[in-house]
């Protein structure tokens, strides 16, 4: 049975990420599995550089499938690099911590390979039952016809909407208030505020059911 683990916002929390991936590997017990990262690897936490090295290292391994999606914080960093967003805005959103983790003074000094990786990140993944994105979708549009900005930035009216989208929407972006994942009939939010003292969470899916069969966490 194929297992899929959807991991919420990391924000430089490398220690929690390592612990959570180890729990996912143990849970899989050698079964085929896919890791889906929902974005926001960067900013606020202590080791954004280490998080990117770790995720890209997972992607280079021959066993297992690793999908890394883009979050709004990756888009902000790219906007600064491209001159479309002021550096001060990024710093206020946690970019200063990212620069410190790399030991550089400005976004353009980030390693070229990491910038290329950020640019190549997709904004969604559809496994036929679930639609994985960073933030959510515009509930007034089919999930197949979404604007990129909504996929990585939206909160309302998505969070309050209760309609069936034809897929379970698996997302992060909005930290839960109680440090636990939020499961609704049409969506599941796995951002449990890891960088704010909450756990880093993974929703566990199998190929027999649509909803999560379990949740894993690293405190």
N, C-alpha and C. Protein backbone atom coordinates (compact mmCIF):
# COMPACT_ATOMS: atom_id res chain seq x y z
N UNK A 1 0.84 -1.20 0.00
CA UNK A 1 0.00 0.00 0.00
C UNK A 1 0.88 1.25 0.00
N UNK A 2 0.60 2.16 -0.93
CA UNK A 2 1.36 3.39 -1.03
C UNK A 2 0.95 4.36 0.08
N UNK A 3 1.92 4.92 0.77
CA UNK A 3 1.68 5.92 1.79
C UNK A 3 2.18 7.27 1.31
N UNK A 4 1.47 8.32 1.69
CA UNK A 4 1.89 9.69 1.40
C UNK A 4 1.91 10.46 2.70
N UNK A 5 3.00 11.17 2.92
CA UNK A 5 3.16 12.00 4.11
C UNK A 5 3.23 13.46 3.67
N UNK A 6 2.28 14.28 4.11
CA UNK A 6 2.26 15.70 3.78
C UNK A 6 2.74 16.50 4.98
N UNK A 7 3.83 17.22 4.80
CA UNK A 7 4.51 17.91 5.90
C UNK A 7 4.27 19.41 5.80
N UNK A 8 3.86 20.00 6.91
CA UNK A 8 3.53 21.42 6.95
C UNK A 8 4.72 22.34 7.01
N UNK A 9 4.44 23.61 7.29
CA UNK A 9 5.43 24.69 7.22
C UNK A 9 6.59 24.45 8.17
N UNK A 10 7.82 24.51 7.64
CA UNK A 10 9.03 24.17 8.39
C UNK A 10 9.71 25.42 8.94
N UNK A 11 9.88 26.44 8.13
CA UNK A 11 10.45 27.71 8.56
C UNK A 11 11.78 27.56 9.31
N UNK A 12 12.71 26.85 8.70
CA UNK A 12 14.05 26.76 9.29
C UNK A 12 14.18 25.85 10.49
N UNK A 13 13.13 25.09 10.80
CA UNK A 13 13.15 24.21 11.99
C UNK A 13 13.75 22.86 11.62
N UNK A 14 15.06 22.84 11.42
CA UNK A 14 15.73 21.65 10.90
C UNK A 14 15.64 20.46 11.86
N UNK A 15 15.83 20.69 13.13
CA UNK A 15 15.80 19.58 14.09
C UNK A 15 14.45 18.87 14.08
N UNK A 16 13.36 19.65 14.08
CA UNK A 16 12.03 19.04 14.03
C UNK A 16 11.82 18.31 12.71
N UNK A 17 12.35 18.87 11.63
CA UNK A 17 12.20 18.23 10.33
C UNK A 17 12.88 16.87 10.30
N UNK A 18 14.09 16.80 10.79
CA UNK A 18 14.80 15.52 10.83
C UNK A 18 14.04 14.49 11.65
N UNK A 19 13.56 14.93 12.81
CA UNK A 19 12.82 14.01 13.67
C UNK A 19 11.55 13.52 12.99
N UNK A 20 10.84 14.43 12.31
CA UNK A 20 9.58 14.05 11.69
C UNK A 20 9.79 13.11 10.52
N UNK A 21 10.78 13.38 9.69
CA UNK A 21 11.06 12.49 8.56
C UNK A 21 11.44 11.10 9.08
N UNK A 22 12.21 11.04 10.15
CA UNK A 22 12.56 9.74 10.74
C UNK A 22 11.30 9.00 11.19
N UNK A 23 10.34 9.73 11.75
CA UNK A 23 9.09 9.09 12.17
C UNK A 23 8.30 8.60 10.95
N UNK A 24 8.34 9.36 9.86
CA UNK A 24 7.66 8.93 8.64
C UNK A 24 8.29 7.65 8.09
N UNK A 25 9.61 7.61 8.07
CA UNK A 25 10.32 6.43 7.58
C UNK A 25 9.97 5.21 8.44
N UNK A 26 9.97 5.41 9.76
CA UNK A 26 9.62 4.31 10.66
C UNK A 26 8.19 3.85 10.44
N UNK A 27 7.28 4.79 10.25
CA UNK A 27 5.87 4.48 10.04
C UNK A 27 5.69 3.68 8.74
N UNK A 28 6.41 4.08 7.70
CA UNK A 28 6.29 3.40 6.41
C UNK A 28 6.77 1.96 6.50
N UNK A 29 7.75 1.70 7.33
CA UNK A 29 8.22 0.33 7.53
C UNK A 29 8.66 -0.37 6.26
N UNK A 30 9.27 0.37 5.35
CA UNK A 30 9.75 -0.22 4.11
C UNK A 30 8.75 -0.20 2.97
N UNK A 31 7.50 0.23 3.25
CA UNK A 31 6.51 0.32 2.17
C UNK A 31 6.81 1.53 1.28
N UNK A 32 6.34 1.47 0.04
CA UNK A 32 6.50 2.60 -0.86
C UNK A 32 5.84 3.83 -0.26
N UNK A 33 6.50 4.97 -0.36
CA UNK A 33 5.95 6.17 0.24
C UNK A 33 6.38 7.40 -0.54
N UNK A 34 5.60 8.44 -0.39
CA UNK A 34 5.87 9.74 -0.99
C UNK A 34 5.87 10.78 0.11
N UNK A 35 6.86 11.65 0.11
CA UNK A 35 6.89 12.81 0.99
C UNK A 35 6.47 14.03 0.18
N UNK A 36 5.50 14.76 0.68
CA UNK A 36 5.08 16.01 0.04
C UNK A 36 5.30 17.14 1.04
N UNK A 37 6.22 18.03 0.71
CA UNK A 37 6.46 19.21 1.54
C UNK A 37 5.59 20.35 1.01
N UNK A 38 4.86 21.00 1.88
CA UNK A 38 3.86 21.99 1.48
C UNK A 38 4.41 23.41 1.41
N UNK A 39 5.73 23.58 1.51
CA UNK A 39 6.32 24.89 1.33
C UNK A 39 6.66 25.59 2.63
N UNK A 40 7.26 26.78 2.48
CA UNK A 40 7.78 27.58 3.60
C UNK A 40 8.90 26.84 4.32
N UNK A 41 9.98 26.62 3.60
CA UNK A 41 11.20 26.05 4.17
C UNK A 41 12.01 27.14 4.86
N UNK A 42 11.82 28.37 4.40
CA UNK A 42 12.65 29.51 4.78
C UNK A 42 12.04 30.35 5.90
N UNK A 43 12.92 31.21 6.46
CA UNK A 43 12.54 32.36 7.28
C UNK A 43 12.12 31.99 8.70
N UNK A 44 12.40 32.95 9.59
CA UNK A 44 11.98 32.92 11.00
C UNK A 44 12.77 31.95 11.87
N UNK A 45 12.93 30.71 11.43
CA UNK A 45 13.63 29.72 12.24
C UNK A 45 15.14 29.80 12.09
N UNK A 46 15.87 28.95 12.84
CA UNK A 46 17.32 29.10 12.94
C UNK A 46 18.13 28.56 11.77
N UNK A 47 17.58 27.66 10.93
CA UNK A 47 18.46 27.03 9.94
C UNK A 47 17.75 26.77 8.62
N UNK A 48 17.39 27.86 7.94
CA UNK A 48 16.77 27.72 6.62
C UNK A 48 17.72 27.05 5.64
N UNK A 49 18.99 27.41 5.70
CA UNK A 49 19.98 26.81 4.80
C UNK A 49 20.05 25.31 5.01
N UNK A 50 20.04 24.89 6.26
CA UNK A 50 20.09 23.47 6.57
C UNK A 50 18.85 22.74 6.12
N UNK A 51 17.69 23.38 6.22
CA UNK A 51 16.45 22.76 5.76
C UNK A 51 16.50 22.50 4.27
N UNK A 52 16.96 23.47 3.49
CA UNK A 52 17.03 23.29 2.05
C UNK A 52 18.04 22.21 1.70
N UNK A 53 19.18 22.19 2.38
CA UNK A 53 20.15 21.12 2.13
C UNK A 53 19.53 19.75 2.43
N UNK A 54 18.77 19.68 3.50
CA UNK A 54 18.18 18.41 3.90
C UNK A 54 17.12 17.95 2.89
N UNK A 55 16.24 18.85 2.48
CA UNK A 55 15.17 18.48 1.55
C UNK A 55 15.75 18.11 0.18
N UNK A 56 16.71 18.89 -0.30
CA UNK A 56 17.31 18.54 -1.59
C UNK A 56 18.09 17.24 -1.50
N UNK A 57 18.65 16.96 -0.33
CA UNK A 57 19.31 15.68 -0.14
C UNK A 57 18.34 14.52 -0.21
N UNK A 58 17.16 14.70 0.37
CA UNK A 58 16.12 13.66 0.27
C UNK A 58 15.72 13.44 -1.18
N UNK A 59 15.61 14.52 -1.93
CA UNK A 59 15.22 14.40 -3.34
C UNK A 59 16.25 13.66 -4.17
N UNK A 60 17.49 13.68 -3.74
CA UNK A 60 18.55 13.04 -4.51
C UNK A 60 18.68 11.55 -4.21
N UNK A 61 17.98 11.08 -3.18
CA UNK A 61 18.07 9.66 -2.83
C UNK A 61 17.26 8.81 -3.80
N UNK A 62 17.75 7.62 -4.11
CA UNK A 62 17.07 6.79 -5.11
C UNK A 62 15.75 6.20 -4.64
N UNK A 63 15.59 6.01 -3.34
CA UNK A 63 14.38 5.36 -2.83
C UNK A 63 13.36 6.39 -2.39
N UNK A 64 12.10 6.17 -2.75
CA UNK A 64 11.03 7.05 -2.33
C UNK A 64 10.89 8.25 -3.25
N UNK A 65 9.74 8.85 -3.19
CA UNK A 65 9.41 10.02 -4.00
C UNK A 65 9.28 11.22 -3.09
N UNK A 66 9.93 12.32 -3.46
CA UNK A 66 9.91 13.53 -2.64
C UNK A 66 9.44 14.69 -3.51
N UNK A 67 8.34 15.32 -3.11
CA UNK A 67 7.79 16.46 -3.83
C UNK A 67 7.85 17.66 -2.91
N UNK A 68 8.50 18.71 -3.37
CA UNK A 68 8.62 19.94 -2.58
C UNK A 68 7.86 21.05 -3.31
N UNK A 69 6.84 21.59 -2.65
CA UNK A 69 6.04 22.67 -3.22
C UNK A 69 6.55 24.03 -2.76
N UNK A 70 6.18 25.05 -3.47
CA UNK A 70 6.59 26.41 -3.12
C UNK A 70 5.58 27.05 -2.19
N UNK A 71 6.09 27.75 -1.19
CA UNK A 71 5.25 28.52 -0.29
C UNK A 71 5.41 30.01 -0.54
N UNK A 72 4.65 30.81 0.19
CA UNK A 72 4.75 32.26 -0.01
C UNK A 72 6.10 32.82 0.41
N UNK A 73 6.76 32.18 1.37
CA UNK A 73 8.06 32.70 1.80
C UNK A 73 9.14 32.46 0.75
N UNK A 74 9.05 31.36 0.02
CA UNK A 74 9.96 31.16 -1.11
C UNK A 74 9.71 32.20 -2.20
N UNK A 75 8.43 32.52 -2.43
CA UNK A 75 8.09 33.52 -3.44
C UNK A 75 8.57 34.91 -3.03
N UNK A 76 8.49 35.21 -1.73
CA UNK A 76 9.00 36.50 -1.26
C UNK A 76 10.51 36.59 -1.51
N UNK A 77 11.24 35.56 -1.16
CA UNK A 77 12.68 35.57 -1.36
C UNK A 77 13.03 35.76 -2.84
N UNK A 78 12.33 35.07 -3.71
CA UNK A 78 12.58 35.22 -5.14
C UNK A 78 12.22 36.63 -5.60
N UNK A 79 11.16 37.19 -5.04
CA UNK A 79 10.80 38.56 -5.39
C UNK A 79 11.88 39.56 -5.02
N UNK A 80 12.51 39.34 -3.88
CA UNK A 80 13.62 40.21 -3.47
C UNK A 80 14.81 40.04 -4.42
N UNK A 81 15.13 38.80 -4.75
CA UNK A 81 16.24 38.53 -5.66
C UNK A 81 16.00 39.19 -7.02
N UNK A 82 14.74 39.20 -7.47
CA UNK A 82 14.40 39.75 -8.78
C UNK A 82 14.12 41.25 -8.75
N UNK A 83 14.20 41.86 -7.57
CA UNK A 83 13.99 43.30 -7.46
C UNK A 83 12.53 43.71 -7.42
N UNK A 84 11.62 42.77 -7.26
CA UNK A 84 10.20 43.10 -7.25
C UNK A 84 9.65 43.36 -5.85
N UNK A 85 10.38 42.95 -4.83
CA UNK A 85 9.96 43.11 -3.43
C UNK A 85 11.10 43.77 -2.67
N UNK A 86 10.82 44.77 -1.84
CA UNK A 86 11.89 45.43 -1.07
C UNK A 86 12.51 44.47 -0.05
N UNK A 87 13.83 44.50 0.09
CA UNK A 87 14.48 43.64 1.08
C UNK A 87 13.94 43.84 2.50
N UNK A 88 13.58 45.06 2.85
CA UNK A 88 13.09 45.31 4.20
C UNK A 88 11.81 44.54 4.49
N UNK A 89 10.97 44.37 3.47
CA UNK A 89 9.74 43.59 3.67
C UNK A 89 10.09 42.14 3.99
N UNK A 90 11.03 41.58 3.25
CA UNK A 90 11.44 40.20 3.51
C UNK A 90 12.02 40.06 4.91
N UNK A 91 12.85 41.02 5.29
CA UNK A 91 13.45 40.97 6.63
C UNK A 91 12.36 40.95 7.71
N UNK A 92 11.31 41.73 7.51
CA UNK A 92 10.22 41.76 8.48
C UNK A 92 9.46 40.44 8.53
N UNK A 93 9.51 39.67 7.44
CA UNK A 93 8.82 38.39 7.37
C UNK A 93 9.73 37.22 7.78
N UNK A 94 10.91 37.53 8.30
CA UNK A 94 11.81 36.48 8.76
C UNK A 94 12.99 36.23 7.86
N UNK A 95 13.13 37.04 6.80
CA UNK A 95 14.23 36.85 5.87
C UNK A 95 15.60 37.05 6.48
N UNK A 96 15.70 37.90 7.50
CA UNK A 96 17.00 38.13 8.14
C UNK A 96 17.55 36.83 8.73
N UNK A 97 16.67 35.99 9.26
CA UNK A 97 17.11 34.70 9.80
C UNK A 97 17.64 33.79 8.69
N UNK A 98 17.01 33.87 7.52
CA UNK A 98 17.49 33.07 6.39
C UNK A 98 18.88 33.52 5.97
N UNK A 99 19.07 34.82 5.83
CA UNK A 99 20.39 35.34 5.44
C UNK A 99 21.45 34.94 6.46
N UNK A 100 21.11 35.02 7.74
CA UNK A 100 22.06 34.65 8.79
C UNK A 100 22.44 33.18 8.70
N UNK A 101 21.47 32.33 8.36
CA UNK A 101 21.76 30.90 8.29
C UNK A 101 22.71 30.57 7.14
N UNK A 102 22.69 31.40 6.10
CA UNK A 102 23.61 31.23 4.98
C UNK A 102 24.92 31.99 5.18
N UNK A 103 24.93 32.91 6.13
CA UNK A 103 26.12 33.73 6.33
C UNK A 103 26.33 34.75 5.23
N UNK A 104 25.22 35.29 4.67
CA UNK A 104 25.31 36.29 3.61
C UNK A 104 24.52 37.52 4.02
N UNK A 105 24.73 38.62 3.28
CA UNK A 105 24.13 39.90 3.66
C UNK A 105 22.88 40.23 2.86
N UNK A 106 22.71 39.63 1.67
CA UNK A 106 21.56 39.97 0.84
C UNK A 106 21.10 38.75 0.05
N UNK A 107 19.86 38.83 -0.41
CA UNK A 107 19.24 37.68 -1.06
C UNK A 107 20.00 37.21 -2.29
N UNK A 108 20.54 38.16 -3.04
CA UNK A 108 21.27 37.80 -4.25
C UNK A 108 22.54 37.01 -4.00
N UNK A 109 22.98 36.98 -2.73
CA UNK A 109 24.19 36.22 -2.38
C UNK A 109 23.89 34.78 -2.00
N UNK A 110 22.62 34.38 -1.99
CA UNK A 110 22.31 32.98 -1.73
C UNK A 110 22.93 32.11 -2.81
N UNK A 111 23.27 30.87 -2.50
CA UNK A 111 23.88 29.98 -3.50
C UNK A 111 23.02 29.86 -4.75
N UNK A 112 23.66 29.92 -5.90
CA UNK A 112 22.92 29.87 -7.17
C UNK A 112 22.10 28.59 -7.28
N UNK A 113 22.65 27.49 -6.79
CA UNK A 113 21.91 26.22 -6.88
C UNK A 113 20.63 26.26 -6.06
N UNK A 114 20.68 26.91 -4.90
CA UNK A 114 19.48 27.01 -4.06
C UNK A 114 18.45 27.95 -4.69
N UNK A 115 18.91 29.04 -5.30
CA UNK A 115 17.98 29.94 -6.00
C UNK A 115 17.30 29.21 -7.15
N UNK A 116 18.08 28.45 -7.90
CA UNK A 116 17.49 27.67 -9.01
C UNK A 116 16.46 26.68 -8.49
N UNK A 117 16.77 26.06 -7.34
CA UNK A 117 15.83 25.11 -6.74
C UNK A 117 14.53 25.81 -6.35
N UNK A 118 14.63 26.99 -5.74
CA UNK A 118 13.44 27.75 -5.37
C UNK A 118 12.60 28.08 -6.60
N UNK A 119 13.25 28.48 -7.66
CA UNK A 119 12.52 28.85 -8.88
C UNK A 119 11.78 27.66 -9.49
N UNK A 120 12.33 26.49 -9.34
CA UNK A 120 11.76 25.30 -9.98
C UNK A 120 10.65 24.65 -9.18
N UNK A 121 10.40 25.12 -7.96
CA UNK A 121 9.39 24.48 -7.12
C UNK A 121 8.00 24.62 -7.72
N UNK A 122 7.26 23.53 -7.85
CA UNK A 122 5.87 23.63 -8.31
C UNK A 122 4.98 24.19 -7.21
N UNK A 123 3.78 24.62 -7.59
CA UNK A 123 2.87 25.21 -6.59
C UNK A 123 1.72 24.28 -6.22
N UNK A 124 1.65 23.09 -6.83
CA UNK A 124 0.59 22.15 -6.47
C UNK A 124 1.00 20.74 -6.88
N UNK A 125 0.32 19.78 -6.27
CA UNK A 125 0.50 18.37 -6.61
C UNK A 125 -0.84 17.67 -6.44
N UNK A 126 -1.27 16.94 -7.46
CA UNK A 126 -2.56 16.24 -7.47
C UNK A 126 -2.28 14.75 -7.54
N UNK A 127 -2.71 14.00 -6.53
CA UNK A 127 -2.47 12.56 -6.56
C UNK A 127 -3.71 11.77 -6.97
N UNK A 128 -4.74 12.50 -7.45
CA UNK A 128 -5.96 11.83 -7.89
C UNK A 128 -7.05 11.79 -6.84
N UNK A 129 -6.69 11.96 -5.59
CA UNK A 129 -7.66 12.01 -4.48
C UNK A 129 -7.51 13.29 -3.67
N UNK A 130 -6.27 13.75 -3.58
CA UNK A 130 -5.96 14.94 -2.81
C UNK A 130 -5.24 15.96 -3.69
N UNK A 131 -5.45 17.24 -3.38
CA UNK A 131 -4.78 18.33 -4.07
C UNK A 131 -3.94 19.05 -3.03
N UNK A 132 -2.62 18.96 -3.19
CA UNK A 132 -1.67 19.49 -2.21
C UNK A 132 -1.20 20.87 -2.67
N UNK A 133 -1.32 21.85 -1.78
CA UNK A 133 -0.88 23.22 -2.07
C UNK A 133 -0.35 23.83 -0.78
N UNK A 134 0.24 25.00 -0.90
CA UNK A 134 0.74 25.65 0.30
C UNK A 134 -0.38 26.27 1.12
N UNK A 135 -1.20 27.12 0.48
CA UNK A 135 -2.16 27.93 1.25
C UNK A 135 -3.60 27.48 1.11
N UNK A 136 -4.01 27.07 -0.09
CA UNK A 136 -5.40 26.72 -0.33
C UNK A 136 -5.77 27.03 -1.76
N UNK A 137 -7.07 27.14 -2.03
CA UNK A 137 -7.55 27.45 -3.37
C UNK A 137 -8.64 28.51 -3.29
N UNK A 138 -8.88 29.15 -4.41
CA UNK A 138 -10.03 30.04 -4.54
C UNK A 138 -11.27 29.16 -4.68
N UNK A 139 -12.18 29.19 -3.70
CA UNK A 139 -13.32 28.28 -3.74
C UNK A 139 -14.29 28.56 -4.88
N UNK A 140 -14.15 29.70 -5.55
CA UNK A 140 -15.04 30.04 -6.65
C UNK A 140 -14.55 29.53 -7.99
N UNK A 141 -13.38 28.89 -8.01
CA UNK A 141 -12.82 28.35 -9.24
C UNK A 141 -12.56 26.86 -9.08
N UNK A 142 -12.62 26.09 -10.18
CA UNK A 142 -12.22 24.69 -10.11
C UNK A 142 -10.77 24.58 -9.65
N UNK A 143 -10.46 23.51 -8.94
CA UNK A 143 -9.09 23.37 -8.43
C UNK A 143 -8.07 23.28 -9.57
N UNK A 144 -8.54 22.95 -10.77
CA UNK A 144 -7.64 22.86 -11.92
C UNK A 144 -7.40 24.20 -12.59
N UNK A 145 -8.08 25.26 -12.15
CA UNK A 145 -7.98 26.56 -12.81
C UNK A 145 -7.61 27.67 -11.83
N UNK A 146 -6.69 27.39 -10.97
CA UNK A 146 -6.31 28.31 -9.91
C UNK A 146 -5.20 29.27 -10.33
N UNK A 147 -5.22 30.46 -9.75
CA UNK A 147 -4.11 31.40 -9.91
C UNK A 147 -3.00 31.03 -8.94
N UNK A 148 -1.76 31.16 -9.39
CA UNK A 148 -0.62 30.79 -8.56
C UNK A 148 -0.64 31.56 -7.24
N UNK A 149 -0.97 32.84 -7.28
CA UNK A 149 -0.94 33.64 -6.05
C UNK A 149 -1.90 33.08 -5.00
N UNK A 150 -3.08 32.66 -5.41
CA UNK A 150 -4.03 32.09 -4.45
C UNK A 150 -3.49 30.80 -3.84
N UNK A 151 -2.86 29.97 -4.65
CA UNK A 151 -2.35 28.70 -4.15
C UNK A 151 -1.32 28.88 -3.05
N UNK A 152 -0.59 29.99 -3.07
CA UNK A 152 0.46 30.19 -2.07
C UNK A 152 0.15 31.28 -1.04
N UNK A 153 -0.96 32.01 -1.22
CA UNK A 153 -1.24 33.12 -0.31
C UNK A 153 -2.63 33.09 0.34
N UNK A 154 -3.61 32.44 -0.27
CA UNK A 154 -5.01 32.65 0.16
C UNK A 154 -5.25 32.17 1.59
N UNK A 155 -6.11 32.87 2.27
CA UNK A 155 -6.70 32.40 3.52
C UNK A 155 -8.23 32.42 3.34
N UNK A 156 -8.82 33.58 3.48
CA UNK A 156 -10.26 33.67 3.20
C UNK A 156 -10.49 34.09 1.74
N UNK A 157 -11.59 33.61 1.15
CA UNK A 157 -12.70 32.88 1.75
C UNK A 157 -12.50 31.36 1.84
N UNK A 158 -11.31 30.89 1.47
CA UNK A 158 -11.08 29.44 1.44
C UNK A 158 -11.30 28.77 2.80
N UNK A 159 -10.72 29.34 3.86
CA UNK A 159 -10.75 28.66 5.15
C UNK A 159 -12.17 28.49 5.69
N UNK A 160 -13.06 29.39 5.32
CA UNK A 160 -14.44 29.31 5.82
C UNK A 160 -15.36 28.53 4.91
N UNK A 161 -14.90 28.18 3.73
CA UNK A 161 -15.77 27.54 2.75
C UNK A 161 -15.95 26.05 3.07
N UNK A 162 -17.11 25.50 2.77
CA UNK A 162 -17.40 24.11 3.11
C UNK A 162 -17.79 23.27 1.90
N UNK A 163 -17.64 23.81 0.70
CA UNK A 163 -18.09 23.04 -0.47
C UNK A 163 -17.09 21.93 -0.81
N UNK A 164 -17.56 20.97 -1.58
CA UNK A 164 -16.74 19.86 -2.05
C UNK A 164 -16.02 20.30 -3.31
N UNK A 165 -14.68 20.22 -3.31
CA UNK A 165 -13.89 20.68 -4.45
C UNK A 165 -13.55 19.55 -5.43
N UNK A 166 -13.96 18.34 -5.15
CA UNK A 166 -13.59 17.23 -5.98
C UNK A 166 -12.26 16.60 -5.58
N UNK A 167 -11.56 17.22 -4.70
CA UNK A 167 -10.34 16.73 -4.08
C UNK A 167 -10.32 17.21 -2.63
N UNK A 168 -9.70 16.45 -1.75
CA UNK A 168 -9.41 16.96 -0.42
C UNK A 168 -8.22 17.91 -0.56
N UNK A 169 -8.36 19.15 -0.11
CA UNK A 169 -7.27 20.11 -0.21
C UNK A 169 -6.37 19.95 1.00
N UNK A 170 -5.10 19.66 0.76
CA UNK A 170 -4.11 19.48 1.82
C UNK A 170 -3.20 20.69 1.80
N UNK A 171 -3.15 21.44 2.90
CA UNK A 171 -2.45 22.73 2.87
C UNK A 171 -1.81 23.04 4.22
N UNK A 172 -1.04 24.12 4.21
CA UNK A 172 -0.46 24.69 5.42
C UNK A 172 -0.78 26.18 5.45
N UNK A 173 0.25 27.01 5.71
CA UNK A 173 0.21 28.47 5.57
C UNK A 173 -0.44 29.19 6.75
N UNK A 174 -1.51 28.65 7.30
CA UNK A 174 -2.21 29.31 8.40
C UNK A 174 -2.01 28.50 9.67
N UNK A 175 -1.13 28.95 10.57
CA UNK A 175 -0.84 28.13 11.76
C UNK A 175 -2.10 27.89 12.60
N UNK A 176 -2.28 26.65 13.00
CA UNK A 176 -3.42 26.34 13.87
C UNK A 176 -3.21 26.98 15.23
N UNK A 177 -4.31 27.31 15.88
CA UNK A 177 -4.22 28.01 17.16
C UNK A 177 -3.87 27.09 18.32
N UNK A 178 -4.12 25.80 18.16
CA UNK A 178 -3.91 24.87 19.27
C UNK A 178 -2.75 23.90 19.04
N UNK A 179 -1.97 24.11 17.97
CA UNK A 179 -0.84 23.22 17.71
C UNK A 179 -1.23 21.86 17.20
N UNK A 180 -2.48 21.72 16.73
CA UNK A 180 -2.94 20.44 16.18
C UNK A 180 -3.44 20.65 14.76
N UNK A 181 -3.35 19.63 13.92
CA UNK A 181 -3.86 19.77 12.55
C UNK A 181 -5.36 20.00 12.56
N UNK A 182 -5.84 20.66 11.53
CA UNK A 182 -7.26 21.00 11.43
C UNK A 182 -7.86 20.20 10.27
N UNK A 183 -8.77 19.30 10.58
CA UNK A 183 -9.39 18.44 9.57
C UNK A 183 -10.84 18.85 9.37
N UNK A 184 -11.18 19.18 8.12
CA UNK A 184 -12.55 19.47 7.72
C UNK A 184 -12.95 18.50 6.62
N UNK A 185 -14.20 18.53 6.22
CA UNK A 185 -14.66 17.58 5.20
C UNK A 185 -14.01 17.82 3.84
N UNK A 186 -13.58 19.06 3.59
CA UNK A 186 -13.02 19.39 2.28
C UNK A 186 -11.55 19.78 2.30
N UNK A 187 -10.93 19.82 3.49
CA UNK A 187 -9.54 20.25 3.57
C UNK A 187 -8.90 19.77 4.86
N UNK A 188 -7.58 19.75 4.87
CA UNK A 188 -6.84 19.49 6.10
C UNK A 188 -5.64 20.43 6.14
N UNK A 189 -5.49 21.11 7.25
CA UNK A 189 -4.41 22.07 7.46
C UNK A 189 -3.38 21.44 8.39
N UNK A 190 -2.14 21.30 7.90
CA UNK A 190 -1.10 20.67 8.71
C UNK A 190 -0.02 21.66 9.16
N UNK A 191 -0.31 22.97 9.07
CA UNK A 191 0.60 23.95 9.67
C UNK A 191 0.25 24.07 11.15
N UNK A 192 1.08 23.47 11.99
CA UNK A 192 0.82 23.50 13.43
C UNK A 192 1.82 24.39 14.16
N UNK A 193 2.37 25.37 13.43
CA UNK A 193 3.18 26.41 14.06
C UNK A 193 4.52 25.94 14.59
N UNK A 194 5.25 25.15 13.82
CA UNK A 194 6.52 24.61 14.29
C UNK A 194 7.49 25.69 14.72
N UNK A 195 7.55 26.79 13.97
CA UNK A 195 8.52 27.84 14.29
C UNK A 195 8.07 28.71 15.46
N UNK A 196 6.81 28.57 15.85
CA UNK A 196 6.28 29.35 16.97
C UNK A 196 6.16 28.52 18.25
N UNK A 197 6.84 27.40 18.29
CA UNK A 197 6.83 26.55 19.47
C UNK A 197 5.93 25.34 19.38
N UNK A 198 5.14 25.24 18.30
CA UNK A 198 4.29 24.08 18.10
C UNK A 198 5.07 22.95 17.45
N UNK A 199 4.43 21.82 17.23
CA UNK A 199 5.11 20.70 16.57
C UNK A 199 5.16 20.91 15.06
N UNK A 200 6.03 20.16 14.41
CA UNK A 200 5.98 20.01 12.97
C UNK A 200 5.18 18.75 12.69
N UNK A 201 4.20 18.85 11.80
CA UNK A 201 3.21 17.78 11.63
C UNK A 201 3.20 17.23 10.22
N UNK A 202 2.97 15.93 10.11
CA UNK A 202 2.74 15.27 8.83
C UNK A 202 1.38 14.58 8.88
N UNK A 203 0.57 14.80 7.84
CA UNK A 203 -0.65 14.02 7.64
C UNK A 203 -0.29 12.77 6.85
N UNK A 204 -0.81 11.63 7.28
CA UNK A 204 -0.52 10.35 6.64
C UNK A 204 -1.73 9.92 5.82
N UNK A 205 -1.49 9.62 4.55
CA UNK A 205 -2.55 9.16 3.65
C UNK A 205 -2.16 7.80 3.08
N UNK A 206 -3.17 7.00 2.76
CA UNK A 206 -2.92 5.77 2.01
C UNK A 206 -3.72 5.82 0.71
N UNK A 207 -3.62 4.77 -0.09
CA UNK A 207 -4.30 4.78 -1.38
C UNK A 207 -5.68 4.13 -1.33
N UNK A 208 -6.18 3.87 -0.13
CA UNK A 208 -7.50 3.27 0.02
C UNK A 208 -8.56 4.26 0.44
N UNK A 209 -8.14 5.36 1.12
CA UNK A 209 -9.08 6.35 1.61
C UNK A 209 -8.58 7.74 1.23
N UNK A 210 -9.49 8.71 1.28
CA UNK A 210 -9.13 10.08 0.92
C UNK A 210 -8.60 10.84 2.13
N UNK A 211 -9.28 10.74 3.25
CA UNK A 211 -8.90 11.49 4.45
C UNK A 211 -7.62 10.92 5.06
N UNK A 212 -6.96 11.70 5.91
CA UNK A 212 -5.77 11.18 6.58
C UNK A 212 -6.10 9.95 7.43
N UNK A 213 -5.19 9.00 7.43
CA UNK A 213 -5.36 7.83 8.30
C UNK A 213 -4.63 8.02 9.61
N UNK A 214 -3.76 9.03 9.68
CA UNK A 214 -3.01 9.27 10.91
C UNK A 214 -2.32 10.63 10.79
N UNK A 215 -1.80 11.10 11.91
CA UNK A 215 -0.95 12.29 11.94
C UNK A 215 0.30 11.94 12.76
N UNK A 216 1.43 12.43 12.29
CA UNK A 216 2.69 12.29 13.01
C UNK A 216 3.18 13.68 13.37
N UNK A 217 3.95 13.77 14.47
CA UNK A 217 4.43 15.09 14.90
C UNK A 217 5.82 14.97 15.50
N UNK A 218 6.56 16.05 15.38
CA UNK A 218 7.86 16.17 16.03
C UNK A 218 7.86 17.47 16.82
N UNK A 219 8.08 17.37 18.13
CA UNK A 219 8.01 18.54 19.01
C UNK A 219 9.37 19.22 19.13
